[in-house]
Amino acid sequence: MTTDDPRTHEAHDAEGRAPSDFSGGRGPAPESSRPDFLPAGETTGLHGGGQPGDEGWSQLGQPPAPGGWSGEQPAAPVAQQRQDGWVDAPEESGWGDPSGRPRPEPAVAGPPYGQAAGHTGVMTAPPPPPPQAFGMGPGWAPPPPPGGPAGATAAAGHRGPGTRTLVALAVVIALLASTLGSVGTYLLTRPSGSGVDPSYRIPAASGGSTARPPESVAGVASKVLPSVVSLAVEAGGGAGTGSGFLIKGGYVVTNNHVVAAAASGGQIQIQFNNRKSTAARIVGRDPESDLAVVKPDDTFGMPEITLGDSDNVVVGDPVIAIGSPLGLTGTVTTGIVSSLNRPVQAGEENSSDTTWFSAIQTDAAINPGNSGGPLVNARGEVIGVNSAIATLGRQVGGQSGSIGLGFAIPVNHARRVAEELVTTGSASKSRIGVLIDQAYQGTGVRIRSEAQDGQAPVSPGGAADKAGLKPGDVILEVNGLTLQDGNELIALVRGRAPGDRLEVKFQRGGQEKTTTVIVQADRATPTPRPS
């Protein structure tokens, strides 16, 4: 009978198995392989029991007789009985180690442990278990000797780790795996030293609406912009830009100093907010008020702007300035009315086209190119025509920047001048008929005491003369406004239309008096003519 293992098992070739060497896992491989089990009754060299280098040589069978390979078998050796009752294996010779080294004694396969050996009645010693052998089922090995199974103590010493140890080990492994995963993720996704990150994305903005309330700055700007134009003027080898706005009848109001260069044969090109352009011609201009009206060939269906009432403007009102500063069309700036009745000189200094007007002051940014554009209130109504700015100095080429002091011609004055320019081609000048004493340094404005260049200090039959003013009188207030100098009085008068009434407080001989002055034109009202 062969001791075949009925189970299906995987083993290394020529490797023995021993249950005592395993507690659920395989032990280390033996230094040398053991041959497969032989049929019971045959002898074989025990693995690990001989000298080094003799593995497997005892499996070659019986050695030949001393006389050579005659086929005769020698007498079987006889087992020797020991004094302790055990039977020693008979002395046997066999194939030795081919190297000539001594060969260990082979073990003799005998009856199972505890049975008599043949007729001797001597109990045989238990055979040792084969090294590196797996269990082969119940009854495969000799019964355990008295006192308990062999190797029980050793097996207890090899007991596997407890539950707590396994749990702690699992936790350590989980933590280690998590740490290594995090480190690996960082190493794979970290940005390079150049700052470039291929996976970098900026979140898109949430949805919104471009609709704005009509009273907001954006709402007012969207209403007014279609009526605002940009003017480009070329004449005499020079060029300039400015702004304007469309009024009733397809006319455009702007500043005189914007189009003055084209008065002698230059060209004017107008661009609307829809970026369509057309040529234009001068209808009329008034250097004293720095206003002009031009007529474009086409308006492309753009709407006219709404004119407001500059007499209702108060300091602190929000305003919006629209125009083409530095040629940047459709520019919108915002601010407030920072002052009223500010005497400002319009046009270019030291030229024949200079004048004084009583301006609306604003901190809305106004720059070169804004000239002629509208200053509108929170309802989108024009309250002034942007005309001048105050600067700390002039830059190269005569350009200057805004410092938050801009000035606009009140729209009530611009309305009257524009009507006269369209109907007659020219505008009347408002006067009260007095000469101002520029050397006076006291409070208010003093009327000269004597004639100058043949002109009387108070024009006979003029507005001041009719109101009772005399040479040497000091005008203190006009319509409740205290005067600081003569330029302020000039600006106030020129800003009024002929026929307007002025309440004047003046001083004569140390006494204060009041009177009403009705503004007159410097000439008869022009006769309207077809434009």
Protein backbone atom coordinates (compact mmCIF):
# COMPACT_ATOMS: atom_id res chain seq x y z
CA MET A 1 0.00 0.00 0.00
CA THR A 2 1.21 3.51 -0.68
CA THR A 3 0.59 6.43 1.64
CA ASP A 4 -1.04 8.68 -0.97
CA ASP A 5 -2.77 11.83 0.27
CA PRO A 6 -6.40 11.61 -0.82
CA ARG A 7 -6.65 15.48 -0.89
CA THR A 8 -5.68 17.62 -3.74
CA HIS A 9 -2.66 19.62 -2.65
CA GLU A 10 0.01 21.69 -4.21
CA ALA A 11 3.53 21.00 -3.15
CA HIS A 12 6.97 21.74 -4.24
CA ASP A 13 8.55 18.90 -6.12
CA ALA A 14 10.15 16.29 -3.85
CA GLU A 15 9.29 18.26 -0.69
CA GLY A 16 8.12 16.56 2.49
CA ARG A 17 5.35 17.83 4.83
CA ALA A 18 5.05 17.80 8.61
CA PRO A 19 1.92 18.96 10.44
CA SER A 20 3.98 20.02 13.44
CA ASP A 21 5.77 22.55 11.25
CA PHE A 22 2.57 24.39 10.31
CA SER A 23 -0.15 26.18 12.25
CA GLY A 24 -2.04 27.35 9.27
CA GLY A 25 0.79 28.57 7.10
CA ARG A 26 3.84 27.02 5.50
CA GLY A 27 7.17 27.17 7.20
CA PRO A 28 10.43 27.83 5.50
CA ALA A 29 11.51 25.47 2.75
CA PRO A 30 14.00 22.75 3.75
CA GLU A 31 17.56 23.07 2.68
CA SER A 32 17.23 19.96 0.53
CA SER A 33 14.28 18.12 -0.97
CA ARG A 34 12.99 14.86 0.31
CA PRO A 35 11.93 12.13 -2.13
CA ASP A 36 8.36 10.98 -2.37
CA PHE A 37 7.11 8.38 0.04
CA LEU A 38 8.07 4.77 -0.86
CA PRO A 39 5.85 1.70 -0.46
CA ALA A 40 5.64 0.34 3.08
CA GLY A 41 8.16 -2.45 3.80
CA GLU A 42 11.02 -0.76 1.85
CA THR A 43 13.78 1.05 3.61
CA THR A 44 15.03 4.50 2.83
CA GLY A 45 17.48 6.94 4.23
CA LEU A 46 15.86 9.41 6.58
CA HIS A 47 15.98 12.92 5.42
CA GLY A 48 18.22 15.02 7.49
CA GLY A 49 19.56 12.03 9.41
CA GLY A 50 22.74 11.37 7.43
CA GLN A 51 25.82 13.28 6.69
CA PRO A 52 25.82 16.15 4.32
CA GLY A 53 25.79 15.13 0.74
CA ASP A 54 24.16 11.72 1.14
CA GLU A 55 20.59 12.72 0.31
CA GLY A 56 18.75 10.17 -1.81
CA TRP A 57 21.54 7.67 -2.32
CA SER A 58 19.86 4.99 -0.15
CA GLN A 59 16.98 4.82 -2.61
CA LEU A 60 18.99 2.91 -5.15
CA GLY A 61 17.97 -0.44 -3.67
CA GLN A 62 20.14 -3.25 -2.35
CA PRO A 63 23.83 -3.14 -3.11
CA PRO A 64 25.35 -5.91 -5.10
CA ALA A 65 26.94 -8.88 -3.44
CA PRO A 66 30.57 -8.70 -2.48
CA GLY A 67 31.38 -10.94 -5.29
CA GLY A 68 30.06 -8.60 -7.86
CA TRP A 69 26.84 -8.43 -9.85
CA SER A 70 26.04 -12.14 -9.64
CA GLY A 71 22.42 -11.78 -8.81
CA GLU A 72 22.78 -13.72 -5.62
CA GLN A 73 21.19 -12.18 -2.62
CA PRO A 74 23.01 -12.11 0.71
CA ALA A 75 21.45 -13.42 3.85
CA ALA A 76 18.99 -11.06 5.49
CA PRO A 77 20.41 -9.33 8.55
CA VAL A 78 18.94 -10.26 11.90
CA ALA A 79 17.42 -7.70 14.23
CA GLN A 80 19.11 -7.35 17.60
CA GLN A 81 17.13 -7.15 20.82
CA ARG A 82 18.22 -4.48 23.30
CA GLN A 83 18.19 -4.79 27.05
CA ASP A 84 15.46 -2.16 27.37
CA GLY A 85 13.07 -4.25 25.36
CA TRP A 86 13.37 -2.36 22.10
CA VAL A 87 14.54 -3.98 18.90
CA ASP A 88 17.38 -2.44 17.04
CA ALA A 89 17.32 -2.52 13.31
CA PRO A 90 19.51 -5.19 11.79
CA GLU A 91 22.83 -4.08 10.51
CA GLU A 92 22.57 -3.64 6.82
CA SER A 93 24.84 -2.61 4.13
CA GLY A 94 23.68 -0.94 1.03
CA TRP A 95 24.77 1.55 -1.51
CA GLY A 96 26.97 4.00 0.09
CA ASP A 97 27.69 7.53 -0.84
CA PRO A 98 29.50 7.57 -4.18
CA SER A 99 31.92 10.03 -2.61
CA GLY A 100 33.08 7.35 -0.22
CA ARG A 101 31.74 9.02 2.87
CA PRO A 102 30.24 6.81 5.56
CA ARG A 103 26.54 6.16 5.20
CA PRO A 104 24.09 6.45 8.08
CA GLU A 105 22.23 3.47 9.25
CA PRO A 106 18.87 3.06 7.60
CA ALA A 107 15.75 2.81 9.64
CA VAL A 108 13.73 -0.37 9.54
CA ALA A 109 10.04 -0.17 8.81
CA GLY A 110 8.27 -2.22 11.42
CA PRO A 111 4.86 -2.73 12.86
CA PRO A 112 2.96 0.25 14.19
CA TYR A 113 3.99 1.66 17.50
CA GLY A 114 2.94 -0.48 20.44
CA GLN A 115 2.78 -3.79 18.48
CA ALA A 116 5.17 -6.74 18.81
CA ALA A 117 7.88 -7.06 16.28
CA GLY A 118 7.30 -10.45 14.69
CA HIS A 119 7.91 -13.40 16.93
CA THR A 120 10.13 -11.57 19.34
CA GLY A 121 7.29 -9.97 21.25
CA VAL A 122 9.35 -6.84 21.63
CA MET A 123 7.56 -3.49 21.29
CA THR A 124 8.87 -1.46 18.41
CA ALA A 125 9.93 2.20 18.71
CA PRO A 126 7.57 4.80 17.08
CA PRO A 127 8.80 5.97 13.70
CA PRO A 128 9.60 9.69 13.49
CA PRO A 129 7.17 11.82 11.49
CA PRO A 130 8.37 12.78 8.06
CA PRO A 131 9.69 16.36 8.08
CA GLN A 132 7.80 19.08 6.17
CA ALA A 133 4.62 16.94 5.75
CA PHE A 134 1.03 18.12 5.66
CA GLY A 135 -1.67 16.34 7.61
CA MET A 136 -3.05 13.33 5.77
CA GLY A 137 -6.28 12.79 7.64
CA PRO A 138 -7.25 10.83 10.73
CA GLY A 139 -4.98 7.92 11.68
CA TRP A 140 -2.20 8.85 9.27
CA ALA A 141 0.37 9.11 12.11
CA PRO A 142 1.14 6.93 15.13
CA PRO A 143 -0.97 7.55 18.21
CA PRO A 144 0.50 10.02 20.67
CA PRO A 145 2.71 8.60 23.40
CA PRO A 146 1.58 8.60 27.01
CA GLY A 147 1.63 11.92 28.65
CA GLY A 148 0.04 13.82 25.77
CA PRO A 149 0.73 14.36 22.09
CA ALA A 150 4.26 14.99 21.13
CA GLY A 151 5.13 18.60 20.45
CA ALA A 152 2.02 19.94 22.19
CA THR A 153 4.10 22.38 24.14
CA ALA A 154 5.91 23.49 21.04
CA ALA A 155 2.59 23.90 19.16
CA ALA A 156 1.27 26.08 21.96
CA GLY A 157 4.35 28.21 21.69
CA HIS A 158 3.60 28.77 17.98
CA ARG A 159 -0.02 29.89 18.50
CA GLY A 160 -1.09 32.69 16.06
CA PRO A 161 -1.66 36.36 17.02
CA GLY A 162 -4.72 37.28 19.02
CA THR A 163 -7.76 39.30 17.92
CA ARG A 164 -6.54 42.53 19.47
CA THR A 165 -3.22 42.23 17.71
CA LEU A 166 -4.94 41.64 14.37
CA VAL A 167 -7.25 44.65 14.88
CA ALA A 168 -4.34 46.90 15.81
CA LEU A 169 -2.40 45.65 12.82
CA ALA A 170 -5.37 46.34 10.53
CA VAL A 171 -5.68 49.91 11.88
CA VAL A 172 -1.99 50.55 11.34
CA ILE A 173 -2.19 49.21 7.79
CA ALA A 174 -5.26 51.38 7.05
CA LEU A 175 -3.57 54.51 8.38
CA LEU A 176 -0.43 53.76 6.45
CA ALA A 177 -2.38 53.17 3.23
CA SER A 178 -4.33 56.42 3.69
CA THR A 179 -1.15 58.41 4.30
CA LEU A 180 0.61 56.89 1.31
CA GLY A 181 -2.45 57.58 -0.86
CA SER A 182 -2.58 61.22 0.20
CA VAL A 183 1.12 61.68 -0.43
CA GLY A 184 0.81 60.04 -3.82
CA THR A 185 -2.15 62.22 -4.77
CA TYR A 186 -0.25 65.35 -3.78
CA LEU A 187 2.82 64.30 -5.72
CA LEU A 188 0.72 63.62 -8.82
CA THR A 189 -1.37 66.81 -8.66
CA ARG A 190 0.97 69.38 -7.15
CA PRO A 191 1.78 72.33 -9.45
CA SER A 192 5.13 72.40 -11.12
CA GLY A 193 7.86 74.78 -10.10
CA SER A 194 6.99 77.09 -13.03
CA GLY A 195 3.54 77.81 -11.56
CA VAL A 196 1.73 76.09 -14.44
CA ASP A 197 -1.12 73.84 -13.34
CA PRO A 198 -2.93 72.09 -16.24
CA SER A 199 -5.89 71.23 -13.98
CA TYR A 200 -6.42 74.82 -12.75
CA ARG A 201 -9.89 76.21 -13.43
CA ILE A 202 -11.66 79.40 -12.29
CA PRO A 203 -15.36 78.89 -11.53
CA ALA A 204 -17.73 80.53 -13.98
CA ALA A 205 -19.82 83.46 -12.78
CA SER A 206 -23.37 82.81 -11.74
CA GLY A 207 -26.12 83.92 -14.06
CA GLY A 208 -27.23 87.53 -13.95
CA SER A 209 -29.23 90.14 -15.81
CA THR A 210 -28.19 93.28 -17.69
CA ALA A 211 -31.49 94.99 -16.98
CA ARG A 212 -31.12 98.11 -14.82
CA PRO A 213 -33.71 100.41 -13.20
CA PRO A 214 -34.41 103.52 -15.31
CA GLU A 215 -33.38 105.81 -12.46
CA SER A 216 -29.97 104.17 -12.05
CA VAL A 217 -26.84 105.60 -13.67
CA ALA A 218 -26.85 102.69 -16.12
CA GLY A 219 -30.52 103.25 -16.87
CA VAL A 220 -30.00 106.98 -17.48
CA ALA A 221 -26.92 106.36 -19.61
CA SER A 222 -28.74 103.86 -21.83
CA LYS A 223 -31.49 106.44 -22.36
CA VAL A 224 -29.20 109.36 -23.18
CA LEU A 225 -26.33 107.76 -25.13
CA PRO A 226 -28.26 107.39 -28.44
CA SER A 227 -28.71 111.18 -28.51
CA VAL A 228 -25.02 112.03 -27.90
CA VAL A 229 -22.61 112.48 -30.83
CA SER A 230 -18.90 112.85 -31.41
CA LEU A 231 -17.56 115.61 -33.67
CA ALA A 232 -14.31 115.52 -35.65
CA VAL A 233 -13.21 118.81 -37.23
CA GLU A 234 -10.51 119.29 -39.86
CA ALA A 235 -9.49 122.75 -41.09
CA GLY A 236 -6.33 124.64 -41.96
CA GLY A 237 -4.05 121.65 -41.48
CA GLY A 238 -5.36 121.13 -37.94
CA ALA A 239 -7.89 118.82 -36.38
CA GLY A 240 -9.92 118.61 -33.21
CA THR A 241 -12.62 116.60 -31.53
CA GLY A 242 -15.57 117.35 -29.31
CA SER A 243 -19.04 116.24 -28.32
CA GLY A 244 -22.62 117.34 -28.88
CA PHE A 245 -26.22 116.27 -28.45
CA LEU A 246 -29.21 115.98 -30.77
CA ILE A 247 -32.16 118.34 -30.24
CA LYS A 248 -35.48 118.95 -31.98
CA GLY A 249 -35.36 119.14 -35.75
CA GLY A 250 -32.22 117.04 -36.14
CA TYR A 251 -29.88 119.82 -34.97
CA VAL A 252 -26.82 119.24 -32.82
CA VAL A 253 -25.78 121.63 -30.03
CA THR A 254 -22.08 121.89 -29.21
CA ASN A 255 -19.46 124.44 -28.12
CA ASN A 256 -18.31 127.22 -30.42
CA HIS A 257 -14.65 126.42 -29.74
CA VAL A 258 -15.23 122.86 -31.04
CA VAL A 259 -16.34 123.95 -34.54
CA ALA A 260 -14.79 127.42 -34.86
CA ALA A 261 -11.91 126.09 -36.99
CA ALA A 262 -14.41 124.89 -39.63
CA ALA A 263 -16.12 128.28 -39.93
CA SER A 264 -13.77 129.26 -42.79
CA GLY A 265 -14.22 126.20 -44.95
CA GLY A 266 -13.26 123.22 -42.81
CA GLN A 267 -15.03 119.88 -42.61
CA ILE A 268 -17.13 118.47 -39.79
CA GLN A 269 -17.81 114.76 -39.40
CA ILE A 270 -20.38 113.53 -36.87
CA GLN A 271 -20.46 110.00 -35.46
CA PHE A 272 -23.52 108.73 -33.62
CA ASN A 273 -23.67 106.20 -30.83
CA ASN A 274 -24.54 103.44 -33.33
CA ARG A 275 -21.12 104.17 -34.95
CA LYS A 276 -22.67 105.55 -38.12
CA SER A 277 -21.09 108.76 -39.43
CA THR A 278 -22.19 111.66 -41.56
CA ALA A 279 -21.01 115.11 -42.58
CA ALA A 280 -22.38 118.26 -40.96
CA ARG A 281 -22.41 122.03 -41.53
CA ILE A 282 -22.48 125.02 -39.16
CA VAL A 283 -25.92 126.64 -38.74
CA GLY A 284 -24.78 129.38 -36.36
CA ARG A 285 -22.37 130.04 -33.55
CA ASP A 286 -22.07 132.53 -30.67
CA PRO A 287 -18.48 133.10 -29.47
CA GLU A 288 -19.61 135.13 -26.44
CA SER A 289 -21.67 132.27 -25.00
CA ASP A 290 -19.35 129.60 -26.51
CA LEU A 291 -22.30 127.85 -28.13
CA ALA A 292 -22.90 126.64 -31.70
CA VAL A 293 -25.47 124.67 -33.67
CA VAL A 294 -24.62 122.31 -36.54
CA LYS A 295 -26.81 120.33 -38.90
CA PRO A 296 -25.86 116.71 -39.77
CA ASP A 297 -26.82 115.32 -43.18
CA ASP A 298 -28.46 112.32 -41.55
CA THR A 299 -29.45 111.38 -38.00
CA PHE A 300 -30.00 107.62 -38.69
CA GLY A 301 -33.19 107.67 -36.66
CA MET A 302 -31.47 108.60 -33.40
CA PRO A 303 -33.80 110.24 -30.83
CA GLU A 304 -33.57 113.83 -29.66
CA ILE A 305 -32.52 114.48 -26.10
CA THR A 306 -34.77 116.00 -23.43
CA LEU A 307 -33.87 119.47 -22.13
CA GLY A 308 -34.42 120.21 -18.42
CA ASP A 309 -34.59 123.40 -16.33
CA SER A 310 -31.26 124.63 -14.98
CA ASP A 311 -32.99 127.09 -12.62
CA ASN A 312 -34.20 124.10 -10.54
CA VAL A 313 -30.72 122.64 -10.03
CA VAL A 314 -29.33 122.68 -6.49
CA VAL A 315 -25.94 121.85 -5.07
CA GLY A 316 -25.63 118.11 -4.37
CA ASP A 317 -27.86 116.93 -7.21
CA PRO A 318 -26.46 113.81 -8.91
CA VAL A 319 -25.36 114.40 -12.49
CA ILE A 320 -23.89 112.41 -15.37
CA ALA A 321 -21.48 113.77 -17.99
CA ILE A 322 -21.49 112.04 -21.39
CA GLY A 323 -19.17 112.68 -24.31
CA SER A 324 -15.95 111.72 -26.09
CA PRO A 325 -13.00 112.68 -23.87
CA LEU A 326 -9.72 112.28 -25.75
CA GLY A 327 -11.71 110.82 -28.64
CA LEU A 328 -13.18 107.98 -26.55
CA THR A 329 -16.77 108.05 -27.78
CA GLY A 330 -19.70 107.22 -25.53
CA THR A 331 -17.83 107.81 -22.26
CA VAL A 332 -20.02 108.17 -19.15
CA THR A 333 -18.84 109.75 -15.88
CA THR A 334 -20.87 110.58 -12.83
CA GLY A 335 -20.75 113.05 -9.95
CA ILE A 336 -22.77 115.77 -8.29
CA VAL A 337 -23.42 119.47 -8.69
CA SER A 338 -20.66 120.92 -6.52
CA SER A 339 -21.49 124.62 -6.99
CA LEU A 340 -23.71 127.05 -8.91
CA ASN A 341 -23.24 130.46 -10.52
CA ARG A 342 -19.50 129.94 -10.81
CA PRO A 343 -18.04 132.66 -13.10
CA VAL A 344 -16.03 130.88 -15.77
CA GLN A 345 -14.22 132.13 -18.84
CA ALA A 346 -15.12 130.00 -21.85
CA GLY A 347 -13.18 129.54 -25.07
CA GLU A 348 -9.45 129.98 -25.47
CA GLU A 349 -7.61 132.48 -23.30
CA ASN A 350 -6.39 135.73 -24.85
CA SER A 351 -8.50 135.31 -27.97
CA SER A 352 -11.37 137.32 -29.38
CA ASP A 353 -13.74 134.41 -28.72
CA THR A 354 -13.49 134.46 -24.93
CA THR A 355 -16.47 135.10 -22.67
CA TRP A 356 -17.68 134.73 -19.16
CA PHE A 357 -20.68 132.66 -18.14
CA SER A 358 -22.27 131.69 -14.83
CA ALA A 359 -21.54 127.96 -14.77
CA ILE A 360 -22.80 124.84 -13.07
CA GLN A 361 -19.78 123.29 -11.35
CA THR A 362 -19.51 119.48 -11.10
CA ASP A 363 -17.01 116.91 -9.93
CA ALA A 364 -18.00 114.50 -12.73
CA ALA A 365 -14.85 113.85 -14.75
CA ILE A 366 -14.67 116.17 -17.77
CA ASN A 367 -11.65 116.12 -20.07
CA PRO A 368 -10.69 117.58 -23.47
CA GLY A 369 -13.16 116.08 -25.93
CA ASN A 370 -16.06 116.34 -23.48
CA SER A 371 -16.67 119.91 -24.66
CA GLY A 372 -20.17 120.36 -26.07
CA GLY A 373 -21.50 117.17 -24.50
CA PRO A 374 -24.51 117.09 -22.17
CA LEU A 375 -24.54 117.20 -18.38
CA VAL A 376 -27.78 115.43 -17.38
CA ASN A 377 -29.68 114.96 -14.14
CA ALA A 378 -30.98 111.72 -12.62
CA ARG A 379 -33.97 111.77 -15.01
CA GLY A 380 -31.77 111.99 -18.10
CA GLU A 381 -32.64 115.64 -18.78
CA VAL A 382 -29.96 118.03 -19.97
CA ILE A 383 -29.17 120.70 -17.35
CA GLY A 384 -25.93 122.02 -18.88
CA VAL A 385 -23.44 121.94 -21.76
CA ASN A 386 -19.97 120.81 -20.66
CA SER A 387 -17.59 123.59 -21.69
CA ALA A 388 -14.57 124.06 -19.41
CA ILE A 389 -12.40 122.47 -16.73
CA ALA A 390 -10.05 123.80 -14.09
CA THR A 391 -6.53 122.30 -14.05
CA LEU A 392 -3.35 122.65 -12.03
CA GLY A 393 -1.36 123.29 -15.19
CA ARG A 394 -1.23 122.56 -18.87
CA GLN A 395 0.56 119.62 -20.36
CA VAL A 396 2.57 119.46 -23.56
CA GLY A 397 0.41 120.28 -26.56
CA GLY A 398 -2.13 122.28 -24.57
CA GLN A 399 -3.90 119.16 -23.21
CA SER A 400 -4.93 119.04 -19.59
CA GLY A 401 -6.60 116.51 -17.35
CA SER A 402 -9.55 116.59 -14.99
CA ILE A 403 -9.01 117.31 -11.30
CA GLY A 404 -12.69 117.09 -10.44
CA LEU A 405 -13.60 120.67 -11.37
CA GLY A 406 -15.75 120.79 -14.48
CA PHE A 407 -18.06 123.55 -15.67
CA ALA A 408 -21.20 123.52 -17.79
CA ILE A 409 -23.25 126.29 -19.40
CA PRO A 410 -26.75 126.24 -17.88
CA VAL A 411 -29.21 124.70 -20.34
CA ASN A 412 -31.71 127.57 -20.03
CA HIS A 413 -29.10 129.87 -21.54
CA ALA A 414 -28.14 127.27 -24.16
CA ARG A 415 -31.81 126.81 -25.13
CA ARG A 416 -32.27 130.52 -25.87
CA VAL A 417 -29.02 130.82 -27.84
CA ALA A 418 -29.73 127.65 -29.84
CA GLU A 419 -33.21 128.92 -30.79
CA GLU A 420 -31.78 132.21 -31.99
CA LEU A 421 -28.97 130.51 -33.91
CA VAL A 422 -31.41 128.22 -35.69
CA THR A 423 -33.93 130.99 -36.45
CA THR A 424 -31.56 133.87 -37.26
CA GLY A 425 -28.04 132.48 -37.50
CA SER A 426 -26.87 134.67 -34.61
CA ALA A 427 -27.69 135.29 -30.92
CA SER A 428 -28.37 138.50 -28.97
CA LYS A 429 -26.23 139.54 -26.00
CA SER A 430 -27.77 140.45 -22.65
CA ARG A 431 -26.69 143.79 -21.11
CA ILE A 432 -27.61 146.20 -18.25
CA GLY A 433 -25.50 149.12 -19.54
CA VAL A 434 -22.76 149.81 -16.92
CA LEU A 435 -18.94 150.01 -16.89
CA ILE A 436 -17.23 148.15 -14.04
CA ASP A 437 -14.39 149.68 -12.04
CA GLN A 438 -11.76 146.90 -12.21
CA ALA A 439 -9.49 148.70 -9.69
CA TYR A 440 -12.06 148.48 -6.88
CA GLN A 441 -11.00 146.05 -4.09
CA GLY A 442 -13.91 146.39 -1.66
CA THR A 443 -17.06 144.35 -1.14
CA GLY A 444 -19.30 144.01 -4.17
CA VAL A 445 -18.87 145.60 -7.64
CA ARG A 446 -18.49 149.36 -8.12
CA ILE A 447 -19.72 151.22 -11.22
CA ARG A 448 -17.06 153.48 -12.68
CA SER A 449 -17.30 157.17 -11.74
CA GLU A 450 -16.13 158.56 -15.10
CA ALA A 451 -16.31 157.68 -18.77
CA GLN A 452 -13.86 155.37 -20.46
CA ASP A 453 -12.90 155.56 -24.14
CA GLY A 454 -15.81 157.88 -24.73
CA GLN A 455 -18.35 155.54 -23.15
CA ALA A 456 -20.38 156.70 -20.16
CA PRO A 457 -20.23 154.67 -16.89
CA VAL A 458 -24.01 154.18 -17.08
CA SER A 459 -25.42 153.96 -20.62
CA PRO A 460 -28.17 156.54 -21.07
CA GLY A 461 -31.51 154.81 -21.56
CA GLY A 462 -30.00 151.46 -20.68
CA ALA A 463 -31.34 148.93 -18.18
CA ALA A 464 -29.26 150.24 -15.25
CA ASP A 465 -30.13 153.84 -16.02
CA LYS A 466 -33.85 152.99 -16.08
CA ALA A 467 -33.46 151.20 -12.72
CA GLY A 468 -31.93 154.33 -11.11
CA LEU A 469 -28.30 153.24 -10.78
CA LYS A 470 -25.66 156.00 -10.84
CA PRO A 471 -21.86 156.18 -11.46
CA GLY A 472 -19.99 155.23 -8.27
CA ASP A 473 -22.77 153.02 -6.90
CA VAL A 474 -21.61 149.70 -5.42
CA ILE A 475 -23.76 146.69 -6.40
CA LEU A 476 -23.78 144.28 -3.43
CA GLU A 477 -26.23 141.52 -4.44
CA VAL A 478 -28.10 140.24 -7.51
CA ASN A 479 -31.12 138.02 -6.87
CA GLY A 480 -29.88 137.42 -3.33
CA LEU A 481 -26.36 136.37 -4.44
CA THR A 482 -23.55 138.38 -2.86
CA LEU A 483 -21.08 139.47 -5.54
CA GLN A 484 -17.36 138.93 -5.12
CA ASP A 485 -16.02 140.61 -8.26
CA GLY A 486 -16.97 142.18 -11.60
CA ASN A 487 -16.53 138.93 -13.57
CA GLU A 488 -19.28 137.37 -11.48
CA LEU A 489 -21.67 140.21 -12.34
CA ILE A 490 -20.86 139.87 -16.06
CA ALA A 491 -21.46 136.12 -15.98
CA LEU A 492 -24.80 136.53 -14.19
CA VAL A 493 -26.09 139.12 -16.67
CA ARG A 494 -24.96 137.28 -19.80
CA GLY A 495 -26.58 134.13 -18.54
CA ARG A 496 -29.95 135.80 -18.54
CA ALA A 497 -32.24 136.36 -21.47
CA PRO A 498 -33.32 139.81 -22.53
CA GLY A 499 -36.40 140.79 -20.51
CA ASP A 500 -35.35 138.84 -17.39
CA ARG A 501 -35.71 140.77 -14.12
CA LEU A 502 -32.83 141.13 -11.67
CA GLU A 503 -33.34 142.18 -8.04
CA VAL A 504 -30.33 144.36 -7.21
CA LYS A 505 -29.12 145.59 -3.81
CA PHE A 506 -26.63 148.45 -4.00
CA GLN A 507 -24.92 150.99 -1.77
CA ARG A 508 -24.74 154.73 -2.31
CA GLY A 509 -23.24 157.25 0.14
CA GLY A 510 -23.11 154.63 2.88
CA GLN A 511 -26.76 153.67 2.50
CA GLU A 512 -28.09 150.37 1.06
CA LYS A 513 -30.89 150.49 -1.47
CA THR A 514 -32.67 148.01 -3.79
CA THR A 515 -33.98 148.20 -7.33
CA THR A 516 -35.16 146.00 -10.19
CA VAL A 517 -33.18 145.84 -13.41
CA ILE A 518 -34.74 144.41 -16.58
CA VAL A 519 -32.11 142.82 -18.80
CA GLN A 520 -31.80 144.24 -22.31
CA ALA A 521 -30.21 143.00 -25.51
CA ASP A 522 -27.20 144.86 -26.87
CA ARG A 523 -29.16 145.28 -30.11
CA ALA A 524 -32.61 144.68 -31.47
CA THR A 525 -33.85 141.11 -31.45
CA PRO A 526 -32.74 139.42 -34.70
CA THR A 527 -35.38 138.78 -37.32
CA PRO A 528 -35.99 135.07 -37.83
CA ARG A 529 -34.96 133.71 -41.19
CA PRO A 530 -35.15 130.26 -42.79
CA SER A 531 -32.26 128.07 -41.85
